[in-house]
Amino acid sequence: MPVPSLRMRVIFAMAGIGISVWALTVPFAKIRFGLDDGTLGFMLLAGGGGGVLVMPFAGLAVARFGSRAVLTVAGLGVLLLMPLLAIAPSAFAFTAILFVYGVAFGLLDIAMNAQGAVVERRSGRLLMSGFHGFYSAGTLGVSLVIILLLRLHLSYPLCSALAGLVMLLMLLAAPGLIGKAGDAPATGRHFAWPNKAAIVLGLCCFACFMTEGVATDWSTIYLRFNRNMPLDAAPLGYAAFAVAMTLSRFLGDAVSTRLGKPMVMRMGCALAVLGFGLAVFITAGWVDVVGFGLVGLGIANIAPLVFSAAARVPGMAANHSAPAIMALGYTGFLIGPVVIGLVANHLGLGFALGLDAALLAATFFAAKAVA
């Protein structure tokens, strides 16, 4: 059977569009509902919370129905819910929709990475960074297109609906993926506690997802309200993050093969810390955009390396290890926006970003886990 690597890239790009539209919705929600940073942080808890809560059941769903079926249904849920976030009539409705969106996206994330691991294993070479490169390309492409459409005075809800239509067309690649019979073997147990190796990988995923959540939810707000950049230019921080992440991931498989996975992870942590340093200590908005770009360049290959390792944790079946590791990662995505919002309310958003940089500095010393 041919390895459907091209179709897998399309699915990852589709998911990237979904997360990017979520990110771009956040500042519009803040303005529309008149929210402070702390309140917005608690509201964003709903999206990550939905993702974390569904993780234990996502592994069961993949084992029962197959990764292809789960990612198809979850992808439909994401693209249908996405426009609703842009037209939610109240902060409460926005939070409720965001929770369901988080559930759907969590299922999609588990299923597409499970399918990606199968495709990578069948190919006999490293592919996961490249898959995530297309995820980043999706985030980048839709960010730039929506910025352009906003400059042309299209409404944001219309932009969100158009992105959903593009996702629907991309989801048509799903039927050509590997069916349930080709998924990694699943054990008969419903749940299993993660072992030490899984926990270490999960903590690396926690740091990476927290940083990605911070860039997703707060980079635009930081540039808009802390650096006084105009609303149509502030998303360039997130766009720089996405551009750098995309380029880094497309090179990640080749660099990891040449230098080794732990070295790539250590270099990434160092670059991301440097990027946060620029964003926090240099007050020029355009330098801060470069800083967020370095953050994206640095963390780009951490998640792909972790996800690849998650499918081969010693002593655990893949349908148990991968959801456990990704649940810890989503906890970082969940906790990150809340912690950033709370700390920002008392000590400033710049200080809060420094806490994320400190976490990445600690992750530097755990890089051996992805070997």
Protein backbone atom coordinates (compact mmCIF):
# COMPACT_ATOMS: atom_id res chain seq x y z
CA MET A 1 0.00 0.00 0.00
CA PRO A 2 1.44 3.46 -0.89
CA VAL A 3 2.38 5.69 2.03
CA PRO A 4 -0.08 8.67 1.92
CA SER A 5 2.43 11.27 3.07
CA LEU A 6 1.03 14.00 0.79
CA ARG A 7 -2.50 13.58 2.14
CA MET A 8 -1.09 13.66 5.66
CA ARG A 9 0.53 17.00 4.94
CA VAL A 10 -2.80 18.39 3.76
CA ILE A 11 -4.50 17.27 7.00
CA PHE A 12 -1.80 18.88 9.15
CA ALA A 13 -2.14 22.12 7.16
CA MET A 14 -5.91 22.01 7.73
CA ALA A 15 -5.38 21.74 11.48
CA GLY A 16 -2.97 24.69 11.34
CA ILE A 17 -5.69 26.82 9.79
CA GLY A 18 -8.02 25.84 12.64
CA ILE A 19 -5.61 26.86 15.40
CA SER A 20 -4.62 30.10 13.66
CA VAL A 21 -8.20 31.29 13.26
CA TRP A 22 -8.67 30.55 16.96
CA ALA A 23 -5.62 32.71 17.71
CA LEU A 24 -6.82 35.60 15.56
CA THR A 25 -10.28 35.46 17.15
CA VAL A 26 -8.87 36.17 20.62
CA PRO A 27 -8.03 39.92 20.27
CA PHE A 28 -11.35 40.53 18.53
CA ALA A 29 -13.15 38.85 21.44
CA LYS A 30 -11.16 40.94 23.94
CA ILE A 31 -12.19 44.16 22.22
CA ARG A 32 -15.78 43.11 21.47
CA PHE A 33 -16.55 42.06 25.05
CA GLY A 34 -14.31 44.65 26.80
CA LEU A 35 -12.22 42.07 28.70
CA ASP A 36 -9.13 42.61 30.85
CA ASP A 37 -6.18 40.21 30.60
CA GLY A 38 -7.16 38.18 33.67
CA THR A 39 -10.74 37.61 32.54
CA LEU A 40 -9.61 36.73 29.03
CA GLY A 41 -7.12 34.24 30.46
CA PHE A 42 -9.87 32.44 32.37
CA MET A 43 -12.07 32.36 29.28
CA LEU A 44 -9.25 30.83 27.26
CA LEU A 45 -9.07 28.11 29.90
CA ALA A 46 -12.18 26.65 28.28
CA GLY A 47 -10.46 25.81 24.98
CA GLY A 48 -7.46 24.10 26.55
CA GLY A 49 -9.70 22.48 29.18
CA GLY A 50 -11.80 20.84 26.50
CA GLY A 51 -8.65 19.51 24.86
CA VAL A 52 -7.23 18.11 28.11
CA LEU A 53 -10.50 16.49 29.20
CA VAL A 54 -10.91 14.64 25.91
CA MET A 55 -7.35 13.24 25.79
CA PRO A 56 -7.96 10.03 27.81
CA PHE A 57 -10.95 9.25 25.60
CA ALA A 58 -9.18 10.19 22.37
CA GLY A 59 -6.87 7.19 22.68
CA LEU A 60 -9.90 4.96 23.22
CA ALA A 61 -11.61 6.44 20.17
CA VAL A 62 -8.55 5.90 17.98
CA ALA A 63 -8.22 2.32 19.22
CA ARG A 64 -11.93 1.64 18.62
CA PHE A 65 -12.60 3.44 15.34
CA GLY A 66 -9.14 4.11 13.88
CA SER A 67 -7.21 7.36 13.58
CA ARG A 68 -8.57 8.10 10.09
CA ALA A 69 -12.21 8.00 11.18
CA VAL A 70 -11.59 10.06 14.33
CA LEU A 71 -9.65 12.80 12.55
CA THR A 72 -12.37 13.05 9.88
CA VAL A 73 -15.20 13.53 12.40
CA ALA A 74 -13.12 15.85 14.61
CA GLY A 75 -12.04 17.92 11.59
CA LEU A 76 -15.68 18.44 10.62
CA GLY A 77 -16.43 19.58 14.16
CA VAL A 78 -13.57 22.09 14.15
CA LEU A 79 -14.48 23.70 10.83
CA LEU A 80 -18.16 23.98 11.77
CA LEU A 81 -17.50 25.50 15.19
CA MET A 82 -14.83 27.96 14.03
CA PRO A 83 -17.15 30.59 12.49
CA LEU A 84 -19.39 30.44 15.56
CA LEU A 85 -16.53 31.77 17.71
CA ALA A 86 -16.47 34.94 15.60
CA ILE A 87 -20.21 35.62 15.98
CA ALA A 88 -20.79 34.50 19.58
CA PRO A 89 -23.31 36.98 21.05
CA SER A 90 -21.81 37.12 24.54
CA ALA A 91 -18.68 36.30 26.52
CA PHE A 92 -20.47 33.30 28.04
CA ALA A 93 -21.47 31.95 24.61
CA PHE A 94 -17.91 32.49 23.34
CA THR A 95 -16.52 30.52 26.29
CA ALA A 96 -18.99 27.65 25.82
CA ILE A 97 -18.26 27.37 22.09
CA LEU A 98 -14.54 27.56 22.81
CA PHE A 99 -14.84 24.58 25.18
CA VAL A 100 -16.51 22.42 22.52
CA TYR A 101 -13.98 23.68 19.97
CA GLY A 102 -11.20 22.55 22.31
CA VAL A 103 -12.75 19.08 22.57
CA ALA A 104 -12.96 18.74 18.79
CA PHE A 105 -9.44 20.06 18.25
CA GLY A 106 -8.02 17.76 20.93
CA LEU A 107 -9.53 14.74 19.17
CA LEU A 108 -8.18 15.97 15.84
CA ASP A 109 -4.70 16.50 17.27
CA ILE A 110 -4.45 13.02 18.80
CA ALA A 111 -5.84 11.30 15.71
CA MET A 112 -3.73 13.12 13.12
CA ASN A 113 -0.51 12.59 15.10
CA ALA A 114 -1.37 8.91 15.52
CA GLN A 115 -1.93 8.67 11.76
CA GLY A 116 1.28 10.66 11.16
CA ALA A 117 3.28 8.23 13.31
CA VAL A 118 1.92 5.30 11.28
CA VAL A 119 2.83 7.00 7.99
CA GLU A 120 6.31 7.84 9.30
CA ARG A 121 6.88 4.26 10.46
CA ARG A 122 5.79 2.83 7.10
CA SER A 123 8.06 5.21 5.20
CA GLY A 124 11.16 4.19 7.15
CA ARG A 125 12.40 7.78 7.53
CA LEU A 126 11.76 10.87 9.64
CA LEU A 127 8.64 12.73 8.47
CA MET A 128 7.00 14.18 11.57
CA SER A 129 8.75 17.57 11.53
CA GLY A 130 7.74 17.96 7.89
CA PHE A 131 4.12 17.15 8.75
CA HIS A 132 4.19 19.78 11.46
CA GLY A 133 5.81 22.13 8.96
CA PHE A 134 2.61 21.96 6.93
CA TYR A 135 0.66 22.56 10.15
CA SER A 136 2.69 25.73 10.61
CA ALA A 137 2.26 26.61 6.93
CA GLY A 138 -1.49 26.46 7.52
CA THR A 139 -1.24 28.82 10.48
CA LEU A 140 0.99 31.17 8.51
CA GLY A 141 -1.04 31.17 5.32
CA VAL A 142 -4.39 31.86 6.94
CA SER A 143 -2.86 34.55 9.21
CA LEU A 144 -1.48 36.50 6.27
CA VAL A 145 -4.62 36.07 4.17
CA ILE A 146 -6.91 37.22 7.00
CA ILE A 147 -4.68 40.24 7.67
CA LEU A 148 -4.98 41.13 3.98
CA LEU A 149 -8.75 40.62 3.97
CA LEU A 150 -9.13 42.78 7.09
CA ARG A 151 -7.16 45.54 5.38
CA LEU A 152 -9.66 45.24 2.53
CA HIS A 153 -12.41 45.85 5.12
CA LEU A 154 -13.96 42.38 5.11
CA SER A 155 -15.58 41.50 8.43
CA TYR A 156 -13.80 39.04 10.68
CA PRO A 157 -16.79 36.63 10.83
CA LEU A 158 -16.73 36.42 7.03
CA CYS A 159 -12.99 35.72 7.09
CA SER A 160 -13.57 32.93 9.60
CA ALA A 161 -16.31 31.39 7.46
CA LEU A 162 -14.06 31.44 4.37
CA ALA A 163 -11.32 29.69 6.36
CA GLY A 164 -13.84 27.01 7.36
CA LEU A 165 -14.71 26.42 3.70
CA VAL A 166 -11.03 25.95 2.84
CA MET A 167 -10.70 23.45 5.69
CA LEU A 168 -13.66 21.49 4.35
CA LEU A 169 -11.98 21.15 0.96
CA MET A 170 -8.74 20.01 2.60
CA LEU A 171 -10.54 17.43 4.72
CA LEU A 172 -11.42 15.63 1.48
CA ALA A 173 -7.89 14.19 1.66
CA ALA A 174 -8.84 12.09 4.70
CA PRO A 175 -10.46 9.08 2.91
CA GLY A 176 -7.11 8.24 1.29
CA LEU A 177 -5.30 7.84 4.61
CA ILE A 178 -4.42 4.53 6.30
CA GLY A 179 -7.42 2.71 7.79
CA LYS A 180 -7.84 1.20 11.24
CA ALA A 181 -6.05 -2.04 10.30
CA GLY A 182 -2.84 -0.08 9.72
CA ASP A 183 -2.85 1.81 13.04
CA ALA A 184 -0.32 1.00 15.76
CA PRO A 185 -1.37 -2.06 17.83
CA ALA A 186 -3.63 -1.18 20.77
CA THR A 187 -3.82 -3.01 24.08
CA GLY A 188 -7.10 -4.21 25.52
CA ARG A 189 -6.81 -1.98 28.60
CA HIS A 190 -8.91 1.17 28.62
CA PHE A 191 -6.46 3.36 30.57
CA ALA A 192 -2.84 3.12 31.74
CA TRP A 193 -0.79 5.40 33.97
CA PRO A 194 2.21 6.94 32.18
CA ASN A 195 5.62 5.56 33.14
CA LYS A 196 8.71 7.66 33.87
CA ALA A 197 9.77 7.91 30.22
CA ALA A 198 6.30 9.07 29.19
CA ILE A 199 6.19 11.66 31.99
CA VAL A 200 9.53 13.19 30.93
CA LEU A 201 8.34 13.42 27.33
CA GLY A 202 5.05 14.83 28.57
CA LEU A 203 6.82 17.60 30.48
CA CYS A 204 8.81 18.51 27.35
CA CYS A 205 5.51 18.63 25.49
CA PHE A 206 4.08 20.76 28.33
CA ALA A 207 6.80 23.38 27.86
CA CYS A 208 6.42 23.40 24.08
CA PHE A 209 2.62 23.62 24.10
CA MET A 210 2.66 26.30 26.78
CA THR A 211 4.97 28.39 24.63
CA GLU A 212 2.84 27.80 21.56
CA GLY A 213 -0.26 28.74 23.55
CA VAL A 214 1.42 31.92 24.77
CA ALA A 215 2.40 32.91 21.22
CA THR A 216 -1.05 31.98 19.93
CA ASP A 217 -3.10 33.80 22.54
CA TRP A 218 -0.87 36.64 23.72
CA SER A 219 1.61 37.73 21.04
CA THR A 220 -0.97 39.88 19.22
CA ILE A 221 -2.25 41.32 22.49
CA TYR A 222 1.31 42.04 23.67
CA LEU A 223 2.19 43.95 20.52
CA ARG A 224 -1.14 45.76 20.41
CA PHE A 225 -1.43 46.85 24.04
CA ASN A 226 2.17 46.79 25.33
CA ARG A 227 3.95 48.06 22.22
CA ASN A 228 1.05 50.16 20.83
CA MET A 229 1.13 48.60 17.37
CA PRO A 230 -2.08 49.11 15.33
CA LEU A 231 -4.61 46.28 15.31
CA ASP A 232 -3.96 45.37 11.69
CA ALA A 233 -0.18 45.16 12.32
CA ALA A 234 -0.13 43.51 15.76
CA PRO A 235 -0.85 40.01 14.31
CA LEU A 236 2.53 40.20 12.56
CA GLY A 237 4.12 38.92 15.79
CA TYR A 238 2.13 35.73 15.49
CA ALA A 239 2.78 35.66 11.74
CA ALA A 240 6.56 35.90 12.39
CA PHE A 241 6.22 33.09 14.92
CA ALA A 242 4.39 30.97 12.32
CA VAL A 243 6.83 31.79 9.47
CA ALA A 244 9.87 30.85 11.53
CA MET A 245 8.19 27.72 12.85
CA THR A 246 7.24 26.66 9.33
CA LEU A 247 10.75 27.10 7.92
CA SER A 248 12.33 25.37 10.90
CA ARG A 249 10.00 22.39 10.66
CA PHE A 250 10.57 21.89 6.96
CA LEU A 251 14.29 21.61 7.74
CA GLY A 252 13.78 19.71 10.99
CA ASP A 253 13.85 16.13 9.70
CA ALA A 254 17.08 16.64 7.77
CA VAL A 255 18.78 18.54 10.61
CA SER A 256 17.67 15.96 13.20
CA THR A 257 19.06 13.16 11.03
CA ARG A 258 22.39 14.98 10.75
CA LEU A 259 22.87 16.43 14.26
CA GLY A 260 20.73 14.12 16.35
CA LYS A 261 17.35 14.75 17.95
CA PRO A 262 18.59 15.87 21.41
CA MET A 263 20.95 18.47 19.91
CA VAL A 264 18.15 19.93 17.78
CA MET A 265 15.96 20.20 20.87
CA ARG A 266 18.69 21.92 22.92
CA MET A 267 19.41 24.42 20.14
CA GLY A 268 15.69 25.12 19.87
CA CYS A 269 15.29 25.88 23.56
CA ALA A 270 18.24 28.28 23.45
CA LEU A 271 16.85 30.17 20.44
CA ALA A 272 13.39 30.46 22.00
CA VAL A 273 14.82 31.90 25.24
CA LEU A 274 16.77 34.45 23.18
CA GLY A 275 13.56 35.39 21.32
CA PHE A 276 11.65 35.98 24.52
CA GLY A 277 14.56 38.09 25.74
CA LEU A 278 14.24 40.38 22.72
CA ALA A 279 10.47 40.64 23.10
CA VAL A 280 10.67 41.49 26.79
CA PHE A 281 13.71 43.77 26.98
CA ILE A 282 13.63 45.62 23.63
CA THR A 283 10.74 48.08 23.44
CA ALA A 284 10.73 48.55 19.66
CA GLY A 285 7.68 46.78 18.28
CA TRP A 286 9.39 45.48 15.14
CA VAL A 287 12.27 44.02 17.17
CA ASP A 288 9.66 42.27 19.29
CA VAL A 289 8.18 40.80 16.10
CA VAL A 290 11.63 39.35 15.38
CA GLY A 291 11.73 38.04 18.94
CA PHE A 292 8.51 36.10 18.46
CA GLY A 293 9.98 34.80 15.22
CA LEU A 294 12.96 33.40 17.12
CA VAL A 295 10.60 31.77 19.60
CA GLY A 296 8.87 30.01 16.70
CA LEU A 297 12.20 29.01 15.17
CA GLY A 298 13.30 27.55 18.48
CA ILE A 299 10.30 25.52 19.59
CA ALA A 300 9.32 24.36 16.09
CA ASN A 301 10.80 20.87 16.26
CA ILE A 302 10.25 20.09 19.94
CA ALA A 303 6.68 18.84 19.49
CA PRO A 304 7.41 16.73 16.38
CA LEU A 305 10.34 15.07 18.14
CA VAL A 306 8.21 14.40 21.21
CA PHE A 307 5.29 13.04 19.19
CA SER A 308 7.59 10.73 17.24
CA ALA A 309 9.07 9.45 20.50
CA ALA A 310 5.59 9.10 22.04
CA ALA A 311 4.74 6.24 19.68
CA ARG A 312 7.72 4.19 20.91
CA VAL A 313 7.82 4.68 24.69
CA PRO A 314 9.30 1.52 26.27
CA GLY A 315 6.74 -0.43 28.26
CA MET A 316 3.64 1.37 26.97
CA ALA A 317 1.35 0.80 23.98
CA ALA A 318 1.10 3.77 21.61
CA ASN A 319 -2.64 4.21 22.26
CA HIS A 320 -1.77 4.85 25.93
CA SER A 321 1.55 6.69 25.73
CA ALA A 322 0.63 9.21 23.01
CA PRO A 323 -2.61 10.49 24.67
CA ALA A 324 -0.87 10.68 28.07
CA ILE A 325 2.02 12.72 26.67
CA MET A 326 -0.25 14.98 24.66
CA ALA A 327 -2.55 15.46 27.67
CA LEU A 328 0.41 16.88 29.59
CA GLY A 329 1.15 19.05 26.57
CA TYR A 330 -2.39 20.33 26.39
CA THR A 331 -2.24 21.05 30.10
CA GLY A 332 0.58 23.46 29.25
CA PHE A 333 -1.57 24.98 26.52
CA LEU A 334 -4.36 25.19 29.12
CA ILE A 335 -2.37 26.59 32.03
CA GLY A 336 -0.19 28.90 29.95
CA PRO A 337 -2.82 31.47 28.89
CA VAL A 338 -4.34 31.53 32.39
CA VAL A 339 -1.01 31.99 34.18
CA ILE A 340 0.09 34.61 31.68
CA GLY A 341 -3.15 36.53 32.15
CA LEU A 342 -3.04 36.41 35.95
CA VAL A 343 0.64 37.36 36.19
CA ALA A 344 0.16 40.08 33.57
CA ASN A 345 -2.59 41.67 35.64
CA HIS A 346 -0.23 42.08 38.60
CA LEU A 347 3.32 42.20 37.20
CA GLY A 348 2.90 43.00 33.52
CA LEU A 349 2.74 40.89 30.39
CA GLY A 350 6.48 41.20 29.78
CA PHE A 351 7.30 39.62 33.15
CA ALA A 352 4.79 36.84 32.42
CA LEU A 353 6.52 36.04 29.12
CA GLY A 354 9.78 35.75 31.05
CA LEU A 355 8.30 32.89 33.08
CA ASP A 356 7.73 30.95 29.87
CA ALA A 357 11.34 31.59 28.85
CA ALA A 358 12.52 30.17 32.19
CA LEU A 359 10.50 26.99 31.59
CA LEU A 360 12.13 26.53 28.18
CA ALA A 361 15.54 27.02 29.76
CA ALA A 362 14.76 24.10 32.09
CA THR A 363 13.55 21.96 29.16
CA PHE A 364 17.02 22.30 27.62
CA PHE A 365 18.28 19.72 30.12
CA ALA A 366 15.60 17.11 29.27
CA ALA A 367 16.45 16.87 25.57
CA LYS A 368 17.89 13.36 25.88
CA ALA A 369 14.34 12.04 26.25
CA VAL A 370 13.66 12.34 22.50
CA ALA A 371 16.72 10.29 21.44
